[in-house]
Protein backbone atom coordinates (compact mmCIF):
# COMPACT_ATOMS: atom_id res chain seq x y z
CA CYS A 1 0.00 0.00 0.00
CA TYR A 2 1.49 3.33 -1.04
CA LEU A 3 -0.16 6.32 0.54
CA LEU A 4 0.07 9.79 -0.89
CA ASN A 5 3.37 9.46 -2.69
CA LYS A 6 2.52 11.10 -6.01
CA THR A 7 4.74 14.09 -6.73
CA ASN A 8 1.88 16.24 -8.03
CA LEU A 9 -0.21 15.87 -4.89
CA ASN A 10 -1.10 19.14 -3.19
CA PHE A 11 -1.10 18.47 0.53
CA ASP A 12 -1.07 21.42 2.91
CA ASN A 13 -2.99 19.87 5.80
CA LYS A 14 -1.35 19.17 9.11
CA ILE A 15 -3.67 16.30 10.07
CA LEU A 16 -4.31 13.14 8.09
CA PHE A 17 -7.14 10.79 9.08
CA LEU A 18 -6.95 7.33 7.57
CA LYS A 19 -9.19 5.86 10.23
CA ASN A 20 -11.55 2.93 9.55
CA ASN A 21 -10.04 1.77 6.28
CA TYR A 22 -8.70 -1.60 5.27
CA ILE A 23 -5.03 -0.67 5.32
CA THR A 24 -3.02 -3.79 6.07
CA TYR A 25 0.58 -2.79 5.45
CA LEU A 26 2.60 0.41 5.65
CA HIS A 27 5.52 0.32 3.26
CA ASP A 28 8.65 2.42 3.85
CA LYS A 29 7.58 4.65 0.94
CA SER A 30 4.05 5.22 2.22
CA PHE A 31 4.75 8.79 3.37
CA ILE A 32 7.52 10.10 1.14
CA GLN A 33 5.70 12.98 -0.53
CA PRO A 34 7.79 16.07 0.44
CA VAL A 35 4.97 18.44 1.40
CA LEU A 36 3.34 15.75 3.50
CA SER A 37 6.64 15.00 5.20
CA ARG A 38 7.18 18.63 6.21
CA ASN A 39 3.64 19.58 7.23
CA LEU A 40 2.09 16.57 8.89
CA VAL A 41 1.79 16.85 12.68
CA GLU A 42 -0.96 14.30 13.33
CA LEU A 43 -1.58 10.93 11.71
CA ASN A 44 -4.58 8.81 12.64
CA LEU A 45 -4.53 5.19 11.49
CA VAL A 46 -7.05 3.86 14.02
CA ASN A 47 -9.10 0.76 13.28
CA ASN A 48 -7.38 -0.59 10.23
CA TRP A 49 -5.91 -4.04 9.62
CA ILE A 50 -2.28 -3.00 9.90
CA SER A 51 -0.07 -5.89 10.89
CA ILE A 52 3.27 -4.88 9.35
CA LEU A 53 5.13 -1.59 9.71
CA ASP A 54 8.32 -1.29 7.68
CA SER A 55 11.18 -0.04 9.82
CA ASN A 56 11.44 3.29 7.94
CA VAL A 57 7.76 3.99 7.37
CA PHE A 58 7.67 7.14 9.54
CA GLN A 59 11.23 8.36 8.95
CA ASN A 60 10.24 11.34 6.76
CA LEU A 61 7.55 12.60 9.14
CA ILE A 62 9.96 14.72 11.14
CA ASN A 63 7.30 17.14 12.45
CA LEU A 64 4.87 14.45 13.53
CA LYS A 65 3.59 15.11 17.06
CA LYS A 66 0.73 12.63 17.37
CA LEU A 67 0.50 9.14 15.91
CA ASP A 68 -2.45 6.88 16.63
CA LEU A 69 -2.11 3.24 15.59
CA SER A 70 -4.78 1.92 17.98
CA ILE A 71 -7.06 -0.97 17.10
CA ASN A 72 -4.88 -2.73 14.54
CA TYR A 73 -3.06 -6.07 14.35
CA ILE A 74 0.49 -4.89 15.02
CA LYS A 75 2.59 -7.66 16.56
CA LYS A 76 6.02 -6.11 16.83
CA ILE A 77 7.64 -2.69 16.98
CA GLY A 78 11.08 -2.35 15.42
CA GLU A 79 13.90 -0.71 17.35
CA ASN A 80 14.30 2.23 14.97
CA LEU A 81 10.68 2.68 13.94
CA PHE A 82 10.41 6.16 15.50
CA LYS A 83 14.07 7.24 15.51
CA ASN A 84 13.55 10.28 13.23
CA ASN A 85 10.34 11.37 14.93
CA ILE A 86 12.04 13.68 17.41
CA ASN A 87 8.90 15.82 17.80
CA LEU A 88 6.61 12.89 18.59
CA GLU A 89 4.70 13.70 21.79
CA GLU A 90 1.84 11.20 21.71
CA LEU A 91 1.92 7.60 20.52
CA CYS A 92 -1.19 5.43 20.83
CA LEU A 93 -0.79 1.68 20.38
CA GLU A 94 -3.67 0.32 22.43
CA LYS A 95 -5.70 -2.68 21.28
CA ASN A 96 -2.98 -4.25 19.18
CA SER A 97 -1.32 -7.64 19.55
CA ILE A 98 2.18 -6.39 20.33
CA SER A 99 4.32 -9.24 21.61
CA SER A 100 7.79 -7.77 21.10
CA ILE A 101 9.62 -4.48 20.92
CA GLU A 102 12.99 -4.93 19.27
C-alpha cells in the first residue's frame, strides 16, 4: 500500500485521518511525498488491519507530534521505527497484539 506518494499531490494539511479503512501494510515509501513529510503533525490510522510496519515507514515525518495506531493487528515494533520522529509527543498503540519491541 502506497499512501500519498505522487509528486503532483497538493497536501497542505497538518492532520491526516486514515481511520476505519482496510489498510493492512505500511511500506517504507508510504509517506515520502515532500509536502506531506514537512507539514504533517498528526496521523490517525485507528481501526485498520495494519499488521506490518516497515522499519522506515515514519522516517520522513519529522514534524509528527501525534501518531495513533490503535485498534490494529500490530505484533512487533522495530527498534528504529520512530528514531527520526524527534517531535513525537503522543503515541497510541492500544488494542494491538504487540508481543515484542525490538
